[in-house]
N, C-alpha and C. Protein backbone atom coordinates (compact mmCIF):
# COMPACT_ATOMS: atom_id res chain seq x y z
N UNK A 1 104.94 102.72 53.17
CA UNK A 1 104.17 101.73 53.87
C UNK A 1 105.27 100.76 54.56
N UNK A 2 104.77 100.32 55.68
CA UNK A 2 105.64 99.49 56.34
C UNK A 2 104.81 98.13 56.78
N UNK A 3 105.47 96.91 56.86
CA UNK A 3 104.63 95.68 57.24
C UNK A 3 104.26 95.74 58.56
N UNK A 4 102.87 95.30 58.82
CA UNK A 4 102.31 95.34 60.14
C UNK A 4 102.38 93.99 60.39
N UNK A 5 102.30 93.06 59.80
CA UNK A 5 101.77 91.81 60.09
C UNK A 5 101.60 90.61 58.63
N UNK A 6 102.02 89.45 58.86
CA UNK A 6 101.99 88.55 57.84
C UNK A 6 101.05 87.26 58.25
N UNK A 7 100.07 87.06 57.53
CA UNK A 7 99.06 85.93 58.01
C UNK A 7 99.26 84.98 56.81
N UNK A 8 98.58 83.82 57.25
CA UNK A 8 98.63 82.64 56.22
C UNK A 8 97.55 82.49 55.20
N UNK A 9 96.33 83.30 55.41
CA UNK A 9 95.40 83.29 54.33
C UNK A 9 94.87 84.50 53.89
N UNK A 10 94.40 84.82 52.87
CA UNK A 10 93.82 86.07 52.33
C UNK A 10 92.62 86.34 53.09
N UNK A 11 91.68 85.37 53.56
CA UNK A 11 90.62 85.71 54.50
C UNK A 11 91.03 86.37 55.65
N UNK A 12 91.98 85.84 56.49
CA UNK A 12 92.56 86.30 57.70
C UNK A 12 93.03 87.72 57.37
N UNK A 13 93.75 88.01 56.27
CA UNK A 13 94.25 89.31 56.00
C UNK A 13 93.22 90.42 55.80
N UNK A 14 91.98 89.81 55.12
CA UNK A 14 90.83 90.64 54.92
C UNK A 14 90.18 91.19 56.27
N UNK A 15 90.17 90.17 57.02
CA UNK A 15 89.35 90.43 58.45
C UNK A 15 90.24 91.46 58.96
N UNK A 16 91.66 91.35 59.20
CA UNK A 16 92.55 92.42 59.77
C UNK A 16 92.22 93.76 59.22
N UNK A 17 92.25 93.76 57.77
CA UNK A 17 92.04 94.89 56.97
C UNK A 17 90.79 95.73 57.25
N UNK A 18 89.80 94.75 57.59
CA UNK A 18 88.50 95.46 57.96
C UNK A 18 88.48 95.98 59.41
N UNK A 19 89.26 95.39 60.12
CA UNK A 19 89.43 96.03 61.54
C UNK A 19 90.04 97.35 61.47
N UNK A 20 91.15 97.48 60.67
CA UNK A 20 92.08 98.57 60.46
C UNK A 20 91.09 99.78 59.92
N UNK A 21 90.36 99.37 58.68
CA UNK A 21 89.31 100.24 58.13
C UNK A 21 88.50 100.94 59.29
N UNK A 22 88.02 100.10 60.02
CA UNK A 22 87.08 100.54 61.11
C UNK A 22 87.76 101.77 61.93
N UNK A 23 89.18 101.45 62.16
CA UNK A 23 89.86 102.41 63.08
C UNK A 23 90.08 103.60 62.22
N UNK A 24 90.06 103.69 60.88
CA UNK A 24 90.47 104.85 60.06
C UNK A 24 91.77 104.86 59.46
N UNK A 25 92.29 103.55 59.51
CA UNK A 25 93.62 103.27 59.03
C UNK A 25 93.82 102.77 57.71
N UNK A 26 94.53 103.39 56.78
CA UNK A 26 94.77 103.02 55.52
C UNK A 26 95.70 102.01 55.51
N UNK A 27 95.24 100.81 54.72
CA UNK A 27 96.06 99.60 54.67
C UNK A 27 96.31 99.09 53.08
N UNK A 28 97.19 98.26 53.21
CA UNK A 28 97.56 97.64 51.73
C UNK A 28 97.88 96.24 51.89
N UNK A 29 97.17 95.37 51.15
CA UNK A 29 97.46 93.68 51.22
C UNK A 29 98.38 93.50 50.05
N UNK A 30 99.42 92.53 50.42
CA UNK A 30 100.33 92.14 49.30
C UNK A 30 100.57 90.62 49.53
N UNK A 31 100.70 89.96 48.30
CA UNK A 31 100.96 88.62 48.46
C UNK A 31 99.91 87.90 47.90
N UNK A 32 99.55 86.69 48.49
CA UNK A 32 98.61 85.60 47.88
C UNK A 32 97.18 86.09 48.36
N UNK A 33 96.61 87.28 48.03
CA UNK A 33 95.43 87.62 48.42
C UNK A 33 94.36 87.67 47.31
N UNK A 34 94.78 88.00 46.14
CA UNK A 34 93.85 87.95 44.94
C UNK A 34 94.37 87.39 43.70
N UNK A 35 93.93 87.10 42.73
CA UNK A 35 94.30 86.79 41.43
C UNK A 35 93.65 85.20 41.34
N UNK A 36 93.84 84.64 40.24
CA UNK A 36 93.29 83.22 39.80
C UNK A 36 93.68 82.16 41.00
N UNK A 37 94.90 82.06 41.73
CA UNK A 37 95.22 81.03 42.70
C UNK A 37 95.75 81.99 43.89
N UNK A 38 94.86 82.38 44.67
CA UNK A 38 95.50 83.31 45.91
C UNK A 38 96.15 82.23 46.99
N UNK A 39 97.30 81.79 46.96
CA UNK A 39 97.96 80.76 47.72
C UNK A 39 99.27 81.46 48.10
N UNK A 40 99.49 81.26 49.39
CA UNK A 40 100.76 81.85 50.06
C UNK A 40 100.47 82.75 51.14
N UNK A 41 101.30 83.38 51.88
CA UNK A 41 101.29 84.35 52.79
C UNK A 41 100.80 85.64 52.32
N UNK A 42 99.96 86.42 52.99
CA UNK A 42 99.60 87.67 52.63
C UNK A 42 100.11 88.67 53.79
N UNK A 43 100.83 89.74 53.32
CA UNK A 43 101.35 90.85 54.04
C UNK A 43 100.55 92.04 54.27
N UNK A 44 100.10 92.44 55.30
CA UNK A 44 99.51 93.60 55.66
C UNK A 44 100.31 94.88 56.02
N UNK A 45 100.28 95.90 55.17
CA UNK A 45 101.08 97.01 55.12
C UNK A 45 100.25 98.37 55.74
N UNK A 46 100.74 99.12 56.49
CA UNK A 46 100.06 100.32 56.98
C UNK A 46 101.10 101.39 56.76
N UNK A 47 100.54 102.53 56.81
CA UNK A 47 101.57 103.93 56.61
C UNK A 47 102.54 103.87 57.96
N UNK A 48 103.52 104.38 57.80
CA UNK A 48 104.76 104.37 58.89
C UNK A 48 104.14 105.02 60.00
N UNK A 49 103.47 106.23 59.84
CA UNK A 49 102.94 106.92 61.04
C UNK A 49 101.81 106.23 61.97
N UNK A 50 101.16 105.29 61.10
CA UNK A 50 99.95 104.46 61.78
C UNK A 50 100.49 103.24 62.33
N UNK A 51 101.73 102.89 62.38
CA UNK A 51 102.13 101.67 62.71
C UNK A 51 101.73 101.21 64.31
N UNK A 52 102.17 102.10 65.11
CA UNK A 52 101.90 101.79 66.55
C UNK A 52 100.47 101.78 66.87
N UNK A 53 99.39 102.73 66.23
CA UNK A 53 98.10 102.77 66.29
C UNK A 53 97.43 101.30 65.73
N UNK A 54 97.84 101.09 64.71
CA UNK A 54 97.61 99.70 64.07
C UNK A 54 97.72 98.48 64.98
N UNK A 55 99.01 98.48 65.71
CA UNK A 55 99.44 97.33 66.48
C UNK A 55 98.41 97.40 67.61
N UNK A 56 98.05 98.65 68.25
CA UNK A 56 97.32 98.67 69.20
C UNK A 56 95.84 98.36 68.88
N UNK A 57 95.37 98.71 67.76
CA UNK A 57 93.98 98.36 67.43
C UNK A 57 93.98 96.61 67.26
N UNK A 58 95.01 96.08 66.84
CA UNK A 58 94.79 94.62 66.50
C UNK A 58 94.92 93.83 67.79
N UNK A 59 95.68 94.43 68.86
CA UNK A 59 95.71 93.79 70.29
C UNK A 59 94.32 93.95 70.83
N UNK A 60 93.91 95.19 70.70
CA UNK A 60 92.56 95.28 71.44
C UNK A 60 91.48 94.17 70.79
N UNK A 61 91.77 94.14 69.46
CA UNK A 61 90.49 92.99 68.96
C UNK A 61 90.84 91.76 69.27
N UNK A 62 92.32 91.22 69.63
CA UNK A 62 92.53 90.08 70.08
C UNK A 62 91.86 89.91 71.48
N UNK A 63 92.24 90.89 72.36
CA UNK A 63 91.74 91.00 73.75
C UNK A 63 90.25 90.74 73.84
N UNK A 64 89.59 91.67 72.86
CA UNK A 64 88.11 91.47 73.06
C UNK A 64 87.62 90.10 72.68
N UNK A 65 88.21 89.50 71.52
CA UNK A 65 87.66 88.17 71.17
C UNK A 65 87.86 87.13 72.18
N UNK A 66 88.84 87.33 73.09
CA UNK A 66 89.38 86.44 74.12
C UNK A 66 88.32 86.11 75.16
N UNK A 67 87.56 87.12 75.31
CA UNK A 67 86.42 87.30 76.25
C UNK A 67 85.07 86.97 75.80
N UNK A 68 85.04 86.84 74.60
CA UNK A 68 83.44 86.45 74.02
C UNK A 68 83.47 84.86 74.13
N UNK A 69 82.04 84.58 74.54
CA UNK A 69 81.67 83.16 74.75
C UNK A 69 81.53 82.66 73.53
N UNK A 70 81.83 81.26 73.27
CA UNK A 70 81.52 80.88 71.98
C UNK A 70 79.98 80.55 71.83
N UNK A 71 79.50 80.78 70.47
CA UNK A 71 77.84 80.54 70.35
C UNK A 71 77.65 78.97 70.02
N UNK A 72 76.68 78.54 70.56
CA UNK A 72 76.30 77.21 70.10
C UNK A 72 75.74 77.02 68.86
N UNK A 73 75.93 76.19 68.14
CA UNK A 73 75.46 75.93 66.77
C UNK A 73 73.89 76.20 66.57
N UNK A 74 73.42 76.66 65.55
CA UNK A 74 72.13 76.92 65.48
C UNK A 74 71.27 75.77 65.19
N UNK A 75 70.38 75.47 65.92
CA UNK A 75 69.49 74.11 65.59
C UNK A 75 68.64 74.45 64.46
N UNK A 76 68.39 75.60 63.98
CA UNK A 76 67.52 75.72 62.76
C UNK A 76 68.53 75.47 61.58
N UNK A 77 69.71 75.80 61.67
CA UNK A 77 70.72 75.61 60.61
C UNK A 77 71.06 74.08 60.59
N UNK A 78 71.00 73.52 61.46
CA UNK A 78 71.25 72.21 61.67
C UNK A 78 70.21 71.26 60.89
N UNK A 79 68.96 71.79 61.28
CA UNK A 79 67.85 71.18 60.66
C UNK A 79 67.67 71.33 59.06
N UNK A 80 67.91 72.62 58.63
CA UNK A 80 67.81 72.88 57.16
C UNK A 80 68.97 71.92 56.65
N UNK A 81 70.14 71.69 57.31
CA UNK A 81 71.24 70.95 56.63
C UNK A 81 70.73 69.77 56.55
N UNK A 82 69.98 68.99 57.59
CA UNK A 82 69.64 67.74 57.30
C UNK A 82 68.69 67.61 56.39
N UNK A 83 67.68 68.37 56.19
CA UNK A 83 66.54 68.41 54.95
C UNK A 83 67.24 68.30 53.74
N UNK A 84 68.07 69.39 53.73
CA UNK A 84 69.08 69.44 52.22
C UNK A 84 69.86 67.97 52.03
N UNK A 85 70.40 67.38 53.07
CA UNK A 85 70.91 66.19 52.79
C UNK A 85 70.07 65.07 52.45
N UNK A 86 68.95 65.05 53.11
CA UNK A 86 67.77 64.04 52.79
C UNK A 86 67.39 64.27 51.48
N UNK A 87 67.03 65.49 50.97
CA UNK A 87 66.60 65.76 49.67
C UNK A 87 67.52 65.40 48.70
N UNK A 88 68.85 65.77 48.83
CA UNK A 88 69.98 65.28 47.88
C UNK A 88 69.88 64.01 47.62
N UNK A 89 69.87 63.22 48.61
CA UNK A 89 70.00 61.64 48.61
C UNK A 89 68.77 61.18 48.00
N UNK A 90 67.62 61.66 48.07
CA UNK A 90 66.36 61.26 47.37
C UNK A 90 66.38 61.58 46.04
N UNK A 91 67.11 62.67 45.67
CA UNK A 91 67.26 63.13 44.26
C UNK A 91 68.31 62.06 43.65
N UNK A 92 69.33 61.68 44.15
CA UNK A 92 70.11 60.89 43.61
C UNK A 92 69.66 59.59 43.39
N UNK A 93 68.95 59.04 44.43
CA UNK A 93 68.28 57.50 44.04
C UNK A 93 67.29 57.65 43.02
N UNK A 94 66.45 58.69 43.01
CA UNK A 94 65.47 58.85 41.78
C UNK A 94 66.11 58.70 40.67
N UNK A 95 67.24 59.50 40.33
CA UNK A 95 68.14 59.52 39.15
C UNK A 95 68.72 58.24 38.80
N UNK A 96 69.30 57.61 39.80
CA UNK A 96 69.86 56.31 39.54
C UNK A 96 68.89 55.17 39.04
N UNK A 97 67.60 55.30 39.82
CA UNK A 97 66.40 54.30 39.40
C UNK A 97 65.98 54.58 37.97
N UNK A 98 65.89 55.86 37.81
CA UNK A 98 65.20 56.41 36.49
C UNK A 98 66.20 55.97 35.31
N UNK A 99 67.68 55.91 35.65
CA UNK A 99 68.44 55.49 34.51
C UNK A 99 68.30 53.93 34.19
N UNK A 100 68.16 53.37 35.39
CA UNK A 100 67.92 51.92 35.29
C UNK A 100 66.94 51.53 34.54
N UNK A 101 65.69 52.04 34.47
CA UNK A 101 64.30 51.68 33.86
C UNK A 101 64.53 52.10 32.65
N UNK A 102 65.06 53.32 32.13
CA UNK A 102 65.10 53.85 30.75
C UNK A 102 66.06 52.90 30.05
N UNK A 103 67.11 52.18 30.63
CA UNK A 103 67.99 51.37 29.67
C UNK A 103 67.42 50.14 29.35
N UNK A 104 66.37 49.76 29.82
CA UNK A 104 65.60 48.38 29.45
C UNK A 104 64.77 48.51 28.26
């Protein structure tokens, strides 16, 4: 196995690994990717004979993502988030007043 790329987070490494897996390339992750405290850089390794194909696959995915338009945030998600916030605040107020009245 040879090192293909080093990334800063485990999430980014897993996205790259998924892209490689779609292309049929076997991969291995080393570094801060798993464990109780996954901190630090993560190295993505591939078989030596797959190195050039893996580099090409990553380059193609970068080019494809450059041409995608950013999606606007979902208004439904925003409305749901607002209701969750309002409900949370209401619960906090009720708990606070409930404690005040039970202490007397």
